Amino acid sequence: MDFDIKKGWFKNIEGDALKDLMKEIFGDTEQEGDALVASYGVLSRIEVRVLAKDKLEIVTVSREGPLGDDEVLDSKRRLNAFAERATGFDSKARMKRAQKKAKEGKL
């Protein structure tokens, strides 16, 4: 899914800063072409791409099999913390922006 990056926020994630942020939150992070890839908890793959100075793509793949509630919650919290620190928008603001785009037919 694509997320908007707050105006002027890109300076916080350019260069190696985004990879360092992923390492801090998810652990081992690898560069695969133009994407940064990690895994954490129930998320077997977390793929992040900077599409533009105002747009970030985050794609996740969940692990197969039984998933514990605590592990799911922890993974979701980590992903939300990453998205907030990478985009400058908290989860509520990201949701409002996505709803607005959906109403405008831009999703």
C-alpha atoms as a PDB file:
ATOM      1  CA  MET A   1       0.000   0.000   0.000  1.00  0.00           C
ATOM      2  CA  ASP A   2       1.175   3.527  -0.747  1.00  0.00           C
ATOM      3  CA  PHE A   3       1.499   6.057   2.051  1.00  0.00           C
ATOM      4  CA  ASP A   4       1.975   9.806   1.785  1.00  0.00           C
ATOM      5  CA  ILE A   5       5.104  11.255   3.358  1.00  0.00           C
ATOM      6  CA  LYS A   6       4.541  14.451   5.326  1.00  0.00           C
ATOM      7  CA  LYS A   7       5.774  17.571   3.550  1.00  0.00           C
ATOM      8  CA  GLY A   8       9.413  18.207   4.492  1.00  0.00           C
ATOM      9  CA  TRP A   9       9.705  14.788   6.211  1.00  0.00           C
ATOM     10  CA  PHE A  10      11.709  13.081   3.446  1.00  0.00           C
ATOM     11  CA  LYS A  11      14.968  14.491   4.843  1.00  0.00           C
ATOM     12  CA  ASN A  12      14.453  12.173   7.846  1.00  0.00           C
ATOM     13  CA  ILE A  13      14.497   8.998   5.708  1.00  0.00           C
ATOM     14  CA  GLU A  14      16.744   9.802   2.751  1.00  0.00           C
ATOM     15  CA  GLY A  15      20.058   8.049   2.182  1.00  0.00           C
ATOM     16  CA  ASP A  16      20.604   5.185   4.612  1.00  0.00           C
ATOM     17  CA  ALA A  17      18.232   6.637   7.226  1.00  0.00           C
ATOM     18  CA  LEU A  18      15.262   4.512   6.073  1.00  0.00           C
ATOM     19  CA  LYS A  19      17.336   1.316   6.155  1.00  0.00           C
ATOM     20  CA  ASP A  20      18.658   2.246   9.612  1.00  0.00           C
ATOM     21  CA  LEU A  21      15.078   2.832  10.798  1.00  0.00           C
ATOM     22  CA  MET A  22      14.007  -0.575   9.483  1.00  0.00           C
ATOM     23  CA  LYS A  23      16.969  -2.241  11.207  1.00  0.00           C
ATOM     24  CA  GLU A  24      16.091  -0.500  14.477  1.00  0.00           C
ATOM     25  CA  ILE A  25      12.450  -1.628  14.382  1.00  0.00           C
ATOM     26  CA  PHE A  26      12.524  -4.982  12.544  1.00  0.00           C
ATOM     27  CA  GLY A  27      16.119  -6.217  12.843  1.00  0.00           C
ATOM     28  CA  ASP A  28      17.982  -7.602   9.814  1.00  0.00           C
ATOM     29  CA  THR A  29      17.196  -5.587   6.697  1.00  0.00           C
ATOM     30  CA  GLU A  30      18.453  -6.279   3.181  1.00  0.00           C
ATOM     31  CA  GLN A  31      18.527  -4.197   0.003  1.00  0.00           C
ATOM     32  CA  GLU A  32      16.853  -5.964  -2.953  1.00  0.00           C
ATOM     33  CA  GLY A  33      17.040  -3.705  -5.976  1.00  0.00           C
ATOM     34  CA  ASP A  34      15.146  -0.532  -5.099  1.00  0.00           C
ATOM     35  CA  ALA A  35      13.393  -2.164  -2.114  1.00  0.00           C
ATOM     36  CA  LEU A  36      14.369  -2.681   1.501  1.00  0.00           C
ATOM     37  CA  VAL A  37      13.245  -6.064   2.836  1.00  0.00           C
ATOM     38  CA  ALA A  38      12.899  -7.347   6.400  1.00  0.00           C
ATOM     39  CA  SER A  39      10.732  -9.724   8.405  1.00  0.00           C
ATOM     40  CA  TYR A  40       9.354  -9.581  11.918  1.00  0.00           C
ATOM     41  CA  GLY A  41       6.965 -11.705  13.987  1.00  0.00           C
ATOM     42  CA  VAL A  42       3.974 -12.794  11.905  1.00  0.00           C
ATOM     43  CA  LEU A  43       5.199 -10.729   8.924  1.00  0.00           C
ATOM     44  CA  SER A  44       7.351 -13.037   6.827  1.00  0.00           C
ATOM     45  CA  ARG A  45       8.184 -10.205   4.428  1.00  0.00           C
ATOM     46  CA  ILE A  46       8.103  -6.430   4.837  1.00  0.00           C
ATOM     47  CA  GLU A  47       9.040  -4.681   1.594  1.00  0.00           C
ATOM     48  CA  VAL A  48       9.519  -0.907   1.549  1.00  0.00           C
ATOM     49  CA  ARG A  49      10.139   1.359  -1.451  1.00  0.00           C
ATOM     50  CA  VAL A  50      10.434   5.110  -1.719  1.00  0.00           C
ATOM     51  CA  LEU A  51       8.333   5.960  -4.784  1.00  0.00           C
ATOM     52  CA  ALA A  52       8.880   9.741  -4.557  1.00  0.00           C
ATOM     53  CA  LYS A  53       9.766  12.355  -1.958  1.00  0.00           C
ATOM     54  CA  ASP A  54       6.115  12.346  -0.920  1.00  0.00           C
ATOM     55  CA  LYS A  55       5.210   8.663  -1.363  1.00  0.00           C
ATOM     56  CA  LEU A  56       6.301   5.431   0.366  1.00  0.00           C
ATOM     57  CA  GLU A  57       5.165   1.917  -0.499  1.00  0.00           C
ATOM     58  CA  ILE A  58       4.930  -0.723   2.231  1.00  0.00           C
ATOM     59  CA  VAL A  59       3.984  -4.278   1.235  1.00  0.00           C
ATOM     60  CA  THR A  60       3.675  -7.037   3.835  1.00  0.00           C
ATOM     61  CA  VAL A  61       3.194 -10.795   3.628  1.00  0.00           C
ATOM     62  CA  SER A  62       1.900 -12.671   6.675  1.00  0.00           C
ATOM     63  CA  ARG A  63       3.375 -15.963   7.813  1.00  0.00           C
ATOM     64  CA  GLU A  64       1.352 -19.123   7.182  1.00  0.00           C
ATOM     65  CA  GLY A  65      -0.004 -21.275   9.977  1.00  0.00           C
ATOM     66  CA  PRO A  66      -1.330 -20.566  13.444  1.00  0.00           C
ATOM     67  CA  LEU A  67      -0.650 -17.045  14.673  1.00  0.00           C
ATOM     68  CA  GLY A  68      -0.705 -16.069  18.349  1.00  0.00           C
ATOM     69  CA  ASP A  69      -2.662 -12.970  19.376  1.00  0.00           C
ATOM     70  CA  ASP A  70       0.307 -11.445  21.213  1.00  0.00           C
ATOM     71  CA  GLU A  71       2.583 -11.996  18.224  1.00  0.00           C
ATOM     72  CA  VAL A  72       0.028 -10.452  15.843  1.00  0.00           C
ATOM     73  CA  LEU A  73      -0.415  -7.393  18.089  1.00  0.00           C
ATOM     74  CA  ASP A  74       3.339  -6.938  18.524  1.00  0.00           C
ATOM     75  CA  SER A  75       3.925  -7.185  14.756  1.00  0.00           C
ATOM     76  CA  LYS A  76       1.130  -4.688  14.056  1.00  0.00           C
ATOM     77  CA  ARG A  77       2.496  -2.249  16.647  1.00  0.00           C
ATOM     78  CA  ARG A  78       5.977  -2.452  15.153  1.00  0.00           C
ATOM     79  CA  LEU A  79       4.647  -1.912  11.645  1.00  0.00           C
ATOM     80  CA  ASN A  80       2.612   1.105  12.797  1.00  0.00           C
ATOM     81  CA  ALA A  81       5.631   2.546  14.642  1.00  0.00           C
ATOM     82  CA  PHE A  82       7.723   2.141  11.500  1.00  0.00           C
ATOM     83  CA  ALA A  83       5.085   3.709   9.240  1.00  0.00           C
ATOM     84  CA  GLU A  84       4.703   6.676  11.598  1.00  0.00           C
ATOM     85  CA  ARG A  85       8.437   7.323  11.824  1.00  0.00           C
ATOM     86  CA  ALA A  86       8.906   6.824   8.065  1.00  0.00           C
ATOM     87  CA  THR A  87       6.004   8.999   6.892  1.00  0.00           C
ATOM     88  CA  GLY A  88       5.580  11.534   9.698  1.00  0.00           C
ATOM     89  CA  PHE A  89       1.862  10.665   9.956  1.00  0.00           C
ATOM     90  CA  ASP A  90       0.345   8.664  12.825  1.00  0.00           C
ATOM     91  CA  SER A  91      -2.076   5.806  12.094  1.00  0.00           C
ATOM     92  CA  LYS A  92      -5.152   8.030  12.460  1.00  0.00           C
ATOM     93  CA  ALA A  93      -3.804  10.569   9.949  1.00  0.00           C
ATOM     94  CA  ARG A  94      -2.790   7.793   7.510  1.00  0.00           C
ATOM     95  CA  MET A  95      -6.304   6.320   7.738  1.00  0.00           C
ATOM     96  CA  LYS A  96      -7.973   9.700   7.112  1.00  0.00           C
ATOM     97  CA  ARG A  97      -5.741  10.342   4.094  1.00  0.00           C
ATOM     98  CA  ALA A  98      -6.517   6.880   2.682  1.00  0.00           C
ATOM     99  CA  GLN A  99     -10.275   7.390   3.191  1.00  0.00           C
ATOM    100  CA  LYS A 100     -10.119  10.734   1.437  1.00  0.00           C
ATOM    101  CA  LYS A 101      -8.276   9.188  -1.527  1.00  0.00           C
ATOM    102  CA  ALA A 102     -10.801   6.351  -1.680  1.00  0.00           C
ATOM    103  CA  LYS A 103     -13.688   8.844  -1.815  1.00  0.00           C
ATOM    104  CA  GLU A 104     -11.914  10.719  -4.610  1.00  0.00           C
ATOM    105  CA  GLY A 105     -11.336   7.445  -6.492  1.00  0.00           C
ATOM    106  CA  LYS A 106      -7.552   7.728  -6.281  1.00  0.00           C
ATOM    107  CA  LEU A 107      -6.932   4.318  -4.667  1.00  0.00           C
END
